[in-house]
């Protein structure tokens, strides 16, 4: 399904997981914001659009009108959320920038993404405050924890998704997926991988002394306690994790291209930053396949509700 010409903005854009998914469904990005210089370089190289910088210093009047807002807002501690109600609880967090722009621009839809832990942070008070704030802005809000593993990607990556509609006639539920993709379709043959990605003999011996895998191909995962397990898929890619916490078949690290594939980025995505920066960028990215499935359902439900009410939809 395509909804040609819908316009969107991409806040906290990273390397454009939302952008990649929206463009595949006929969207057009009219504004992007990203504070990280290297992520901005990758974004511009791939989409031909240079993101603006710090959203905190960009006025709402500088942002074009749009049909949907995307925001994978950073998951910094929400230490001041949950004690009171409304905007008083969210000032000082980057979520406030989202609510500020929604209040001023009133896009028909939004889709927000954050870590799974947002769902339970402060015994659920954080999420409840976020939802109340969005509802007070006039939106009908739905939220769920979804796993990239259920949407065609061989990566266990659970994320909180929050969808909103100004049209309260929209009947929305988050779509299911078709299950995981095949790790074989992600990985390069070992003989084609640069030797720099292989772990040292010492690390390989230590891993194999701890674990015998029943999965091949498989991704070996060592947690913070030093326990090792393996699966026919990857555990979540993380921006700041140990360099060797994930090893393909227990012997080598994922290449930048393999990491991008695990997040749903096609091979046409240009790698313009070094390995370390790309690894961090991918670890912060939103899974393209997951976003595409949710966005497709949002566009369908919005269009259906618009036909019933006679309102224009994206």
C-alpha atoms as a PDB file:
ATOM      1  CA  UNK A   1       0.000   0.000   0.000  1.00  0.00           C
ATOM      2  CA  UNK A   2       1.304   3.451  -0.885  1.00  0.00           C
ATOM      3  CA  UNK A   3      -0.023   6.812   0.222  1.00  0.00           C
ATOM      4  CA  UNK A   4       1.720   9.088  -2.297  1.00  0.00           C
ATOM      5  CA  UNK A   5       2.860  12.474  -1.155  1.00  0.00           C
ATOM      6  CA  UNK A   6       2.429  12.308   2.602  1.00  0.00           C
ATOM      7  CA  UNK A   7       4.882  14.656   4.258  1.00  0.00           C
ATOM      8  CA  UNK A   8       6.804  13.836   7.392  1.00  0.00           C
ATOM      9  CA  UNK A   9       9.430  15.199   9.754  1.00  0.00           C
ATOM     10  CA  UNK A  10      12.194  13.093  11.266  1.00  0.00           C
ATOM     11  CA  UNK A  11      13.295  14.195  14.746  1.00  0.00           C
ATOM     12  CA  UNK A  12      16.328  12.712  16.516  1.00  0.00           C
ATOM     13  CA  UNK A  13      16.835  11.233  13.076  1.00  0.00           C
ATOM     14  CA  UNK A  14      20.040   9.231  13.538  1.00  0.00           C
ATOM     15  CA  UNK A  15      20.806   7.473  10.259  1.00  0.00           C
ATOM     16  CA  UNK A  16      17.205   7.506   9.129  1.00  0.00           C
ATOM     17  CA  UNK A  17      15.421   4.285  10.042  1.00  0.00           C
ATOM     18  CA  UNK A  18      12.119   6.150   9.984  1.00  0.00           C
ATOM     19  CA  UNK A  19      13.139   7.893   6.760  1.00  0.00           C
ATOM     20  CA  UNK A  20      13.953   4.623   5.012  1.00  0.00           C
ATOM     21  CA  UNK A  21      10.620   3.078   6.020  1.00  0.00           C
ATOM     22  CA  UNK A  22       8.518   6.144   5.159  1.00  0.00           C
ATOM     23  CA  UNK A  23      10.100   6.657   1.745  1.00  0.00           C
ATOM     24  CA  UNK A  24       9.327   3.031   0.890  1.00  0.00           C
ATOM     25  CA  UNK A  25       5.644   3.851   1.450  1.00  0.00           C
ATOM     26  CA  UNK A  26       5.644   7.006  -0.644  1.00  0.00           C
ATOM     27  CA  UNK A  27       6.481   9.613   1.971  1.00  0.00           C
ATOM     28  CA  UNK A  28       8.494  12.789   1.536  1.00  0.00           C
ATOM     29  CA  UNK A  29      10.711  14.176   4.287  1.00  0.00           C
ATOM     30  CA  UNK A  30      10.302  17.943   4.703  1.00  0.00           C
ATOM     31  CA  UNK A  31      12.453  18.392   7.816  1.00  0.00           C
ATOM     32  CA  UNK A  32      14.986  16.389   9.814  1.00  0.00           C
ATOM     33  CA  UNK A  33      16.909  17.129  12.988  1.00  0.00           C
ATOM     34  CA  UNK A  34      19.961  15.333  14.407  1.00  0.00           C
ATOM     35  CA  UNK A  35      22.619  16.668  16.751  1.00  0.00           C
ATOM     36  CA  UNK A  36      25.348  14.065  16.126  1.00  0.00           C
ATOM     37  CA  UNK A  37      27.748  15.252  13.420  1.00  0.00           C
ATOM     38  CA  UNK A  38      28.698  11.810  12.089  1.00  0.00           C
ATOM     39  CA  UNK A  39      25.107  10.577  11.975  1.00  0.00           C
ATOM     40  CA  UNK A  40      24.197  13.779  10.133  1.00  0.00           C
ATOM     41  CA  UNK A  41      26.920  13.046   7.587  1.00  0.00           C
ATOM     42  CA  UNK A  42      25.544   9.544   6.977  1.00  0.00           C
ATOM     43  CA  UNK A  43      21.974  10.858   6.744  1.00  0.00           C
ATOM     44  CA  UNK A  44      22.823  13.489   4.155  1.00  0.00           C
ATOM     45  CA  UNK A  45      24.913  11.057   2.098  1.00  0.00           C
ATOM     46  CA  UNK A  46      22.004   8.631   1.871  1.00  0.00           C
ATOM     47  CA  UNK A  47      18.942  10.865   1.580  1.00  0.00           C
ATOM     48  CA  UNK A  48      20.249  14.082   0.063  1.00  0.00           C
ATOM     49  CA  UNK A  49      18.907  16.078   3.003  1.00  0.00           C
ATOM     50  CA  UNK A  50      21.080  17.708   5.648  1.00  0.00           C
ATOM     51  CA  UNK A  51      19.405  17.472   9.065  1.00  0.00           C
ATOM     52  CA  UNK A  52      19.219  20.618  11.142  1.00  0.00           C
ATOM     53  CA  UNK A  53      21.036  20.503  14.465  1.00  0.00           C
ATOM     54  CA  UNK A  54      19.813  20.743  18.047  1.00  0.00           C
ATOM     55  CA  UNK A  55      16.007  20.638  18.067  1.00  0.00           C
ATOM     56  CA  UNK A  56      15.974  22.614  21.327  1.00  0.00           C
ATOM     57  CA  UNK A  57      17.023  25.789  19.497  1.00  0.00           C
ATOM     58  CA  UNK A  58      14.734  25.357  16.480  1.00  0.00           C
ATOM     59  CA  UNK A  59      11.444  27.218  16.650  1.00  0.00           C
ATOM     60  CA  UNK A  60       8.244  25.473  15.622  1.00  0.00           C
ATOM     61  CA  UNK A  61       7.700  28.202  13.015  1.00  0.00           C
ATOM     62  CA  UNK A  62      10.850  26.983  11.233  1.00  0.00           C
ATOM     63  CA  UNK A  63       9.380  23.499  10.753  1.00  0.00           C
ATOM     64  CA  UNK A  64       7.186  22.926   7.671  1.00  0.00           C
ATOM     65  CA  UNK A  65       3.653  21.624   7.977  1.00  0.00           C
ATOM     66  CA  UNK A  66       3.555  17.839   7.807  1.00  0.00           C
ATOM     67  CA  UNK A  67       1.225  14.851   7.944  1.00  0.00           C
ATOM     68  CA  UNK A  68       3.212  12.733  10.397  1.00  0.00           C
ATOM     69  CA  UNK A  69       5.949  13.268  12.930  1.00  0.00           C
ATOM     70  CA  UNK A  70       8.555  10.572  13.557  1.00  0.00           C
ATOM     71  CA  UNK A  71      10.756  10.733  16.634  1.00  0.00           C
ATOM     72  CA  UNK A  72      13.061   8.136  18.113  1.00  0.00           C
ATOM     73  CA  UNK A  73      13.659  10.348  21.106  1.00  0.00           C
ATOM     74  CA  UNK A  74      16.735   9.609  23.231  1.00  0.00           C
ATOM     75  CA  UNK A  75      16.270   7.365  26.224  1.00  0.00           C
ATOM     76  CA  UNK A  76      18.041   9.514  28.805  1.00  0.00           C
ATOM     77  CA  UNK A  77      16.799   9.006  32.381  1.00  0.00           C
ATOM     78  CA  UNK A  78      13.322  10.467  32.842  1.00  0.00           C
ATOM     79  CA  UNK A  79      14.138  11.497  36.377  1.00  0.00           C
ATOM     80  CA  UNK A  80      11.654  14.373  36.591  1.00  0.00           C
ATOM     81  CA  UNK A  81       8.718  12.632  34.945  1.00  0.00           C
ATOM     82  CA  UNK A  82       5.968  10.990  36.959  1.00  0.00           C
ATOM     83  CA  UNK A  83       5.693  13.165  40.042  1.00  0.00           C
ATOM     84  CA  UNK A  84       3.158  15.621  38.692  1.00  0.00           C
ATOM     85  CA  UNK A  85       0.975  15.962  35.594  1.00  0.00           C
ATOM     86  CA  UNK A  86       1.352  17.571  32.192  1.00  0.00           C
ATOM     87  CA  UNK A  87       4.115  19.815  30.886  1.00  0.00           C
ATOM     88  CA  UNK A  88       5.577  20.449  34.342  1.00  0.00           C
ATOM     89  CA  UNK A  89       6.725  16.818  34.361  1.00  0.00           C
ATOM     90  CA  UNK A  90       8.371  16.809  30.943  1.00  0.00           C
ATOM     91  CA  UNK A  91      10.265  20.103  30.775  1.00  0.00           C
ATOM     92  CA  UNK A  92      13.963  19.380  30.835  1.00  0.00           C
ATOM     93  CA  UNK A  93      13.596  16.147  28.887  1.00  0.00           C
ATOM     94  CA  UNK A  94      13.819  15.846  25.132  1.00  0.00           C
ATOM     95  CA  UNK A  95      10.258  14.548  25.033  1.00  0.00           C
ATOM     96  CA  UNK A  96       9.237  18.140  25.744  1.00  0.00           C
ATOM     97  CA  UNK A  97      10.560  19.110  22.296  1.00  0.00           C
ATOM     98  CA  UNK A  98       8.184  16.576  20.736  1.00  0.00           C
ATOM     99  CA  UNK A  99       5.181  17.872  22.652  1.00  0.00           C
ATOM    100  CA  UNK A 100       6.166  21.472  21.900  1.00  0.00           C
ATOM    101  CA  UNK A 101       6.178  20.839  18.156  1.00  0.00           C
ATOM    102  CA  UNK A 102       3.012  18.736  18.212  1.00  0.00           C
ATOM    103  CA  UNK A 103       1.183  21.503  20.036  1.00  0.00           C
ATOM    104  CA  UNK A 104       2.300  24.104  17.498  1.00  0.00           C
ATOM    105  CA  UNK A 105       2.064  22.138  14.232  1.00  0.00           C
ATOM    106  CA  UNK A 106      -0.842  19.730  14.922  1.00  0.00           C
ATOM    107  CA  UNK A 107       0.140  16.979  12.441  1.00  0.00           C
ATOM    108  CA  UNK A 108      -2.613  14.380  11.910  1.00  0.00           C
ATOM    109  CA  UNK A 109      -0.345  11.540  13.101  1.00  0.00           C
ATOM    110  CA  UNK A 110       2.825  10.793  14.997  1.00  0.00           C
ATOM    111  CA  UNK A 111       4.925   7.699  15.658  1.00  0.00           C
ATOM    112  CA  UNK A 112       7.433   7.700  18.506  1.00  0.00           C
ATOM    113  CA  UNK A 113      10.003   5.053  19.436  1.00  0.00           C
ATOM    114  CA  UNK A 114      12.020   4.354  22.553  1.00  0.00           C
ATOM    115  CA  UNK A 115      13.600   1.516  24.487  1.00  0.00           C
ATOM    116  CA  UNK A 116      11.506  -1.323  25.896  1.00  0.00           C
ATOM    117  CA  UNK A 117      12.284  -0.130  29.440  1.00  0.00           C
ATOM    118  CA  UNK A 118      10.239   3.023  28.900  1.00  0.00           C
ATOM    119  CA  UNK A 119       7.189   0.810  29.363  1.00  0.00           C
ATOM    120  CA  UNK A 120       8.081  -0.041  32.965  1.00  0.00           C
ATOM    121  CA  UNK A 121      10.216   2.942  33.984  1.00  0.00           C
ATOM    122  CA  UNK A 122       9.245   4.281  37.417  1.00  0.00           C
ATOM    123  CA  UNK A 123       6.541   1.598  37.706  1.00  0.00           C
ATOM    124  CA  UNK A 124       4.879   2.825  34.513  1.00  0.00           C
ATOM    125  CA  UNK A 125       4.532   6.438  35.683  1.00  0.00           C
ATOM    126  CA  UNK A 126       6.837   7.779  32.963  1.00  0.00           C
ATOM    127  CA  UNK A 127       4.833   6.271  30.119  1.00  0.00           C
ATOM    128  CA  UNK A 128       1.534   7.312  31.699  1.00  0.00           C
ATOM    129  CA  UNK A 129       2.753  10.915  31.933  1.00  0.00           C
ATOM    130  CA  UNK A 130       3.880  10.853  28.303  1.00  0.00           C
ATOM    131  CA  UNK A 131       0.529   9.440  27.174  1.00  0.00           C
ATOM    132  CA  UNK A 132      -1.434  11.960  29.273  1.00  0.00           C
ATOM    133  CA  UNK A 133       0.577  14.800  27.775  1.00  0.00           C
ATOM    134  CA  UNK A 134      -0.112  13.587  24.236  1.00  0.00           C
ATOM    135  CA  UNK A 135      -3.799  13.100  24.973  1.00  0.00           C
ATOM    136  CA  UNK A 136      -4.060  16.618  26.388  1.00  0.00           C
ATOM    137  CA  UNK A 137      -2.750  17.841  23.053  1.00  0.00           C
ATOM    138  CA  UNK A 138      -5.805  16.226  21.466  1.00  0.00           C
ATOM    139  CA  UNK A 139      -4.390  12.928  20.210  1.00  0.00           C
ATOM    140  CA  UNK A 140      -5.806   9.453  20.421  1.00  0.00           C
ATOM    141  CA  UNK A 141      -2.822   7.403  21.617  1.00  0.00           C
ATOM    142  CA  UNK A 142      -1.867   3.723  21.346  1.00  0.00           C
ATOM    143  CA  UNK A 143       1.321   2.102  22.580  1.00  0.00           C
ATOM    144  CA  UNK A 144       2.947  -1.318  22.613  1.00  0.00           C
ATOM    145  CA  UNK A 145       6.264  -3.112  22.936  1.00  0.00           C
ATOM    146  CA  UNK A 146       7.186  -4.716  19.619  1.00  0.00           C
ATOM    147  CA  UNK A 147      10.105  -6.970  18.702  1.00  0.00           C
ATOM    148  CA  UNK A 148      12.049  -6.610  15.445  1.00  0.00           C
ATOM    149  CA  UNK A 149      12.362 -10.405  15.490  1.00  0.00           C
ATOM    150  CA  UNK A 150       8.663 -10.597  14.588  1.00  0.00           C
ATOM    151  CA  UNK A 151       9.036  -8.349  11.539  1.00  0.00           C
ATOM    152  CA  UNK A 152      11.423 -10.161   9.235  1.00  0.00           C
ATOM    153  CA  UNK A 153      14.702  -9.326  10.959  1.00  0.00           C
ATOM    154  CA  UNK A 154      16.925 -11.902  12.701  1.00  0.00           C
ATOM    155  CA  UNK A 155      17.516  -9.595  15.673  1.00  0.00           C
ATOM    156  CA  UNK A 156      15.800  -9.668  19.049  1.00  0.00           C
ATOM    157  CA  UNK A 157      15.193  -5.962  19.555  1.00  0.00           C
ATOM    158  CA  UNK A 158      12.218  -4.937  21.681  1.00  0.00           C
ATOM    159  CA  UNK A 159      11.126  -1.318  21.444  1.00  0.00           C
ATOM    160  CA  UNK A 160       8.305   0.822  22.788  1.00  0.00           C
ATOM    161  CA  UNK A 161       6.184   2.319  19.993  1.00  0.00           C
ATOM    162  CA  UNK A 162       3.693   5.141  20.599  1.00  0.00           C
ATOM    163  CA  UNK A 163       1.257   6.058  17.819  1.00  0.00           C
ATOM    164  CA  UNK A 164      -1.134   8.993  17.827  1.00  0.00           C
ATOM    165  CA  UNK A 165      -3.980  10.337  15.689  1.00  0.00           C
ATOM    166  CA  UNK A 166      -5.794  13.670  15.778  1.00  0.00           C
ATOM    167  CA  UNK A 167      -8.768  11.941  14.187  1.00  0.00           C
ATOM    168  CA  UNK A 168     -10.324  10.026  17.074  1.00  0.00           C
ATOM    169  CA  UNK A 169     -12.375   7.987  14.615  1.00  0.00           C
ATOM    170  CA  UNK A 170      -9.215   6.030  13.735  1.00  0.00           C
ATOM    171  CA  UNK A 171      -9.431   2.472  15.028  1.00  0.00           C
ATOM    172  CA  UNK A 172      -5.800   1.460  15.365  1.00  0.00           C
ATOM    173  CA  UNK A 173      -4.030  -1.609  16.654  1.00  0.00           C
ATOM    174  CA  UNK A 174      -0.398  -2.480  16.133  1.00  0.00           C
ATOM    175  CA  UNK A 175       0.077  -5.065  13.385  1.00  0.00           C
ATOM    176  CA  UNK A 176       1.645  -8.461  13.872  1.00  0.00           C
ATOM    177  CA  UNK A 177       4.556  -9.635  11.788  1.00  0.00           C
ATOM    178  CA  UNK A 178       5.590 -12.669   9.802  1.00  0.00           C
ATOM    179  CA  UNK A 179       8.354 -13.859  12.100  1.00  0.00           C
ATOM    180  CA  UNK A 180      12.130 -13.542  11.918  1.00  0.00           C
ATOM    181  CA  UNK A 181      14.234 -13.334   8.815  1.00  0.00           C
ATOM    182  CA  UNK A 182      17.047 -15.759   8.095  1.00  0.00           C
ATOM    183  CA  UNK A 183      20.463 -15.087   9.540  1.00  0.00           C
ATOM    184  CA  UNK A 184      21.923 -16.718   6.433  1.00  0.00           C
ATOM    185  CA  UNK A 185      20.576 -13.817   4.377  1.00  0.00           C
ATOM    186  CA  UNK A 186      22.372 -11.289   6.581  1.00  0.00           C
ATOM    187  CA  UNK A 187      25.846 -12.763   7.008  1.00  0.00           C
ATOM    188  CA  UNK A 188      28.772 -12.600   4.640  1.00  0.00           C
ATOM    189  CA  UNK A 189      30.866 -15.743   4.044  1.00  0.00           C
ATOM    190  CA  UNK A 190      33.760 -15.735   6.511  1.00  0.00           C
ATOM    191  CA  UNK A 191      36.269 -15.861   3.664  1.00  0.00           C
ATOM    192  CA  UNK A 192      34.913 -12.531   2.354  1.00  0.00           C
ATOM    193  CA  UNK A 193      35.185 -10.751   5.706  1.00  0.00           C
ATOM    194  CA  UNK A 194      38.120  -8.461   6.449  1.00  0.00           C
ATOM    195  CA  UNK A 195      40.465 -10.142   8.981  1.00  0.00           C
ATOM    196  CA  UNK A 196      40.142  -7.101  11.258  1.00  0.00           C
ATOM    197  CA  UNK A 197      36.673  -8.309  12.259  1.00  0.00           C
ATOM    198  CA  UNK A 198      37.892 -11.639  13.656  1.00  0.00           C
ATOM    199  CA  UNK A 199      38.317 -11.992  17.397  1.00  0.00           C
ATOM    200  CA  UNK A 200      41.676 -12.943  18.844  1.00  0.00           C
ATOM    201  CA  UNK A 201      42.538 -16.596  19.419  1.00  0.00           C
ATOM    202  CA  UNK A 202      42.418 -15.989  23.166  1.00  0.00           C
ATOM    203  CA  UNK A 203      38.866 -14.611  23.056  1.00  0.00           C
ATOM    204  CA  UNK A 204      37.671 -17.439  20.807  1.00  0.00           C
ATOM    205  CA  UNK A 205      39.178 -20.077  23.127  1.00  0.00           C
ATOM    206  CA  UNK A 206      37.574 -18.486  26.184  1.00  0.00           C
ATOM    207  CA  UNK A 207      34.155 -18.341  24.520  1.00  0.00           C
ATOM    208  CA  UNK A 208      34.315 -21.940  23.312  1.00  0.00           C
ATOM    209  CA  UNK A 209      35.402 -23.097  26.751  1.00  0.00           C
ATOM    210  CA  UNK A 210      32.184 -21.620  28.155  1.00  0.00           C
ATOM    211  CA  UNK A 211      29.704 -22.568  25.464  1.00  0.00           C
ATOM    212  CA  UNK A 212      28.885 -25.134  22.825  1.00  0.00           C
ATOM    213  CA  UNK A 213      26.420 -23.813  20.282  1.00  0.00           C
ATOM    214  CA  UNK A 214      23.530 -25.689  18.716  1.00  0.00           C
ATOM    215  CA  UNK A 215      23.005 -22.972  16.120  1.00  0.00           C
ATOM    216  CA  UNK A 216      25.002 -22.568  12.947  1.00  0.00           C
ATOM    217  CA  UNK A 217      25.000 -19.982  11.705  1.00  0.00           C
ATOM    218  CA  UNK A 218      24.479 -18.362  15.040  1.00  0.00           C
ATOM    219  CA  UNK A 219      25.317 -15.233  16.976  1.00  0.00           C
ATOM    220  CA  UNK A 220      27.088 -15.811  20.263  1.00  0.00           C
ATOM    221  CA  UNK A 221      26.194 -13.322  22.976  1.00  0.00           C
ATOM    222  CA  UNK A 222      28.188 -12.663  26.138  1.00  0.00           C
ATOM    223  CA  UNK A 223      26.268 -10.724  28.779  1.00  0.00           C
ATOM    224  CA  UNK A 224      27.672  -8.427  31.450  1.00  0.00           C
ATOM    225  CA  UNK A 225      28.012 -11.364  33.855  1.00  0.00           C
ATOM    226  CA  UNK A 226      30.202 -13.243  31.395  1.00  0.00           C
ATOM    227  CA  UNK A 227      27.584 -15.857  30.533  1.00  0.00           C
ATOM    228  CA  UNK A 228      27.601 -16.958  26.886  1.00  0.00           C
ATOM    229  CA  UNK A 229      24.614 -18.122  24.815  1.00  0.00           C
ATOM    230  CA  UNK A 230      23.886 -18.410  21.109  1.00  0.00           C
ATOM    231  CA  UNK A 231      20.847 -18.224  18.846  1.00  0.00           C
ATOM    232  CA  UNK A 232      20.014 -18.387  15.124  1.00  0.00           C
ATOM    233  CA  UNK A 233      19.492 -14.625  15.387  1.00  0.00           C
ATOM    234  CA  UNK A 234      21.263 -11.692  16.977  1.00  0.00           C
ATOM    235  CA  UNK A 235      20.572 -10.216  20.367  1.00  0.00           C
ATOM    236  CA  UNK A 236      19.956  -6.466  20.265  1.00  0.00           C
ATOM    237  CA  UNK A 237      22.657  -4.345  18.691  1.00  0.00           C
ATOM    238  CA  UNK A 238      23.783  -1.753  21.233  1.00  0.00           C
ATOM    239  CA  UNK A 239      25.650   1.493  20.676  1.00  0.00           C
ATOM    240  CA  UNK A 240      27.885   1.338  23.720  1.00  0.00           C
ATOM    241  CA  UNK A 241      28.395  -2.369  24.304  1.00  0.00           C
ATOM    242  CA  UNK A 242      31.654  -4.284  24.558  1.00  0.00           C
ATOM    243  CA  UNK A 243      33.390  -4.661  21.201  1.00  0.00           C
ATOM    244  CA  UNK A 244      33.189  -8.473  21.347  1.00  0.00           C
ATOM    245  CA  UNK A 245      29.824  -9.021  23.030  1.00  0.00           C
ATOM    246  CA  UNK A 246      28.352 -10.439  19.797  1.00  0.00           C
ATOM    247  CA  UNK A 247      30.373 -12.931  17.740  1.00  0.00           C
ATOM    248  CA  UNK A 248      29.287 -14.692  14.551  1.00  0.00           C
ATOM    249  CA  UNK A 249      29.672 -18.440  15.195  1.00  0.00           C
ATOM    250  CA  UNK A 250      31.841 -17.497  18.164  1.00  0.00           C
ATOM    251  CA  UNK A 251      34.761 -16.319  16.028  1.00  0.00           C
ATOM    252  CA  UNK A 252      34.212 -12.860  14.546  1.00  0.00           C
ATOM    253  CA  UNK A 253      32.395  -9.591  14.973  1.00  0.00           C
ATOM    254  CA  UNK A 254      29.613  -8.415  12.720  1.00  0.00           C
ATOM    255  CA  UNK A 255      30.707  -6.180   9.867  1.00  0.00           C
ATOM    256  CA  UNK A 256      29.107  -2.730   9.482  1.00  0.00           C
ATOM    257  CA  UNK A 257      27.113  -3.988   6.498  1.00  0.00           C
ATOM    258  CA  UNK A 258      25.824  -6.984   8.450  1.00  0.00           C
ATOM    259  CA  UNK A 259      24.767  -4.721  11.320  1.00  0.00           C
ATOM    260  CA  UNK A 260      22.891  -2.458   8.922  1.00  0.00           C
ATOM    261  CA  UNK A 261      21.117  -5.478   7.441  1.00  0.00           C
ATOM    262  CA  UNK A 262      20.106  -6.619  10.929  1.00  0.00           C
ATOM    263  CA  UNK A 263      18.329  -3.273  11.311  1.00  0.00           C
ATOM    264  CA  UNK A 264      16.616  -3.578   7.924  1.00  0.00           C
ATOM    265  CA  UNK A 265      18.775  -1.120   5.977  1.00  0.00           C
ATOM    266  CA  UNK A 266      19.215  -2.273   2.365  1.00  0.00           C
ATOM    267  CA  UNK A 267      22.624  -2.676   0.800  1.00  0.00           C
ATOM    268  CA  UNK A 268      22.113   0.553  -1.148  1.00  0.00           C
ATOM    269  CA  UNK A 269      22.660   2.388   2.150  1.00  0.00           C
ATOM    270  CA  UNK A 270      26.054   4.093   1.803  1.00  0.00           C
ATOM    271  CA  UNK A 271      28.565   3.615   4.615  1.00  0.00           C
ATOM    272  CA  UNK A 272      30.470   6.901   4.834  1.00  0.00           C
ATOM    273  CA  UNK A 273      31.672   6.801   8.447  1.00  0.00           C
ATOM    274  CA  UNK A 274      34.313   4.617  10.062  1.00  0.00           C
ATOM    275  CA  UNK A 275      33.516   1.246  11.638  1.00  0.00           C
ATOM    276  CA  UNK A 276      33.285   2.614  15.166  1.00  0.00           C
ATOM    277  CA  UNK A 277      30.876   5.406  14.232  1.00  0.00           C
ATOM    278  CA  UNK A 278      28.756   3.120  12.043  1.00  0.00           C
ATOM    279  CA  UNK A 279      28.530   0.555  14.822  1.00  0.00           C
ATOM    280  CA  UNK A 280      27.314   3.247  17.235  1.00  0.00           C
ATOM    281  CA  UNK A 281      24.846   4.643  14.699  1.00  0.00           C
ATOM    282  CA  UNK A 282      23.349   1.241  13.943  1.00  0.00           C
ATOM    283  CA  UNK A 283      23.061   0.481  17.653  1.00  0.00           C
ATOM    284  CA  UNK A 284      20.969   3.638  18.063  1.00  0.00           C
ATOM    285  CA  UNK A 285      18.821   3.063  14.972  1.00  0.00           C
ATOM    286  CA  UNK A 286      15.181   2.037  14.749  1.00  0.00           C
ATOM    287  CA  UNK A 287      14.483  -1.243  12.879  1.00  0.00           C
ATOM    288  CA  UNK A 288      13.269  -0.306   9.411  1.00  0.00           C
ATOM    289  CA  UNK A 289      11.017  -3.348   8.906  1.00  0.00           C
ATOM    290  CA  UNK A 290       9.217  -2.820  12.207  1.00  0.00           C
ATOM    291  CA  UNK A 291       8.561   0.861  11.504  1.00  0.00           C
ATOM    292  CA  UNK A 292       7.398   0.124   7.967  1.00  0.00           C
ATOM    293  CA  UNK A 293       4.828  -2.420   9.192  1.00  0.00           C
ATOM    294  CA  UNK A 294       3.447  -0.035  11.820  1.00  0.00           C
ATOM    295  CA  UNK A 295       3.418   2.969   9.496  1.00  0.00           C
ATOM    296  CA  UNK A 296       1.643   1.028   6.759  1.00  0.00           C
ATOM    297  CA  UNK A 297      -1.095   0.113   9.234  1.00  0.00           C
ATOM    298  CA  UNK A 298      -1.338   3.705  10.457  1.00  0.00           C
ATOM    299  CA  UNK A 299      -1.776   5.029   6.923  1.00  0.00           C
ATOM    300  CA  UNK A 300      -4.431   2.411   6.168  1.00  0.00           C
ATOM    301  CA  UNK A 301      -6.413   3.136   9.335  1.00  0.00           C
ATOM    302  CA  UNK A 302      -6.134   6.914   8.882  1.00  0.00           C
ATOM    303  CA  UNK A 303      -7.309   6.683   5.280  1.00  0.00           C
ATOM    304  CA  UNK A 304     -10.234   4.455   6.254  1.00  0.00           C
ATOM    305  CA  UNK A 305     -11.319   6.805   9.049  1.00  0.00           C
ATOM    306  CA  UNK A 306     -10.942   9.781   6.724  1.00  0.00           C
ATOM    307  CA  UNK A 307     -13.233   8.197   4.141  1.00  0.00           C
ATOM    308  CA  UNK A 308     -15.846   7.560   6.800  1.00  0.00           C
ATOM    309  CA  UNK A 309     -15.721  11.140   8.068  1.00  0.00           C
ATOM    310  CA  UNK A 310     -15.137  12.813   4.719  1.00  0.00           C
ATOM    311  CA  UNK A 311     -11.911  14.424   5.977  1.00  0.00           C
ATOM    312  CA  UNK A 312      -8.767  14.774   3.927  1.00  0.00           C
ATOM    313  CA  UNK A 313      -6.048  12.264   4.869  1.00  0.00           C
ATOM    314  CA  UNK A 314      -2.388  12.059   4.052  1.00  0.00           C
END
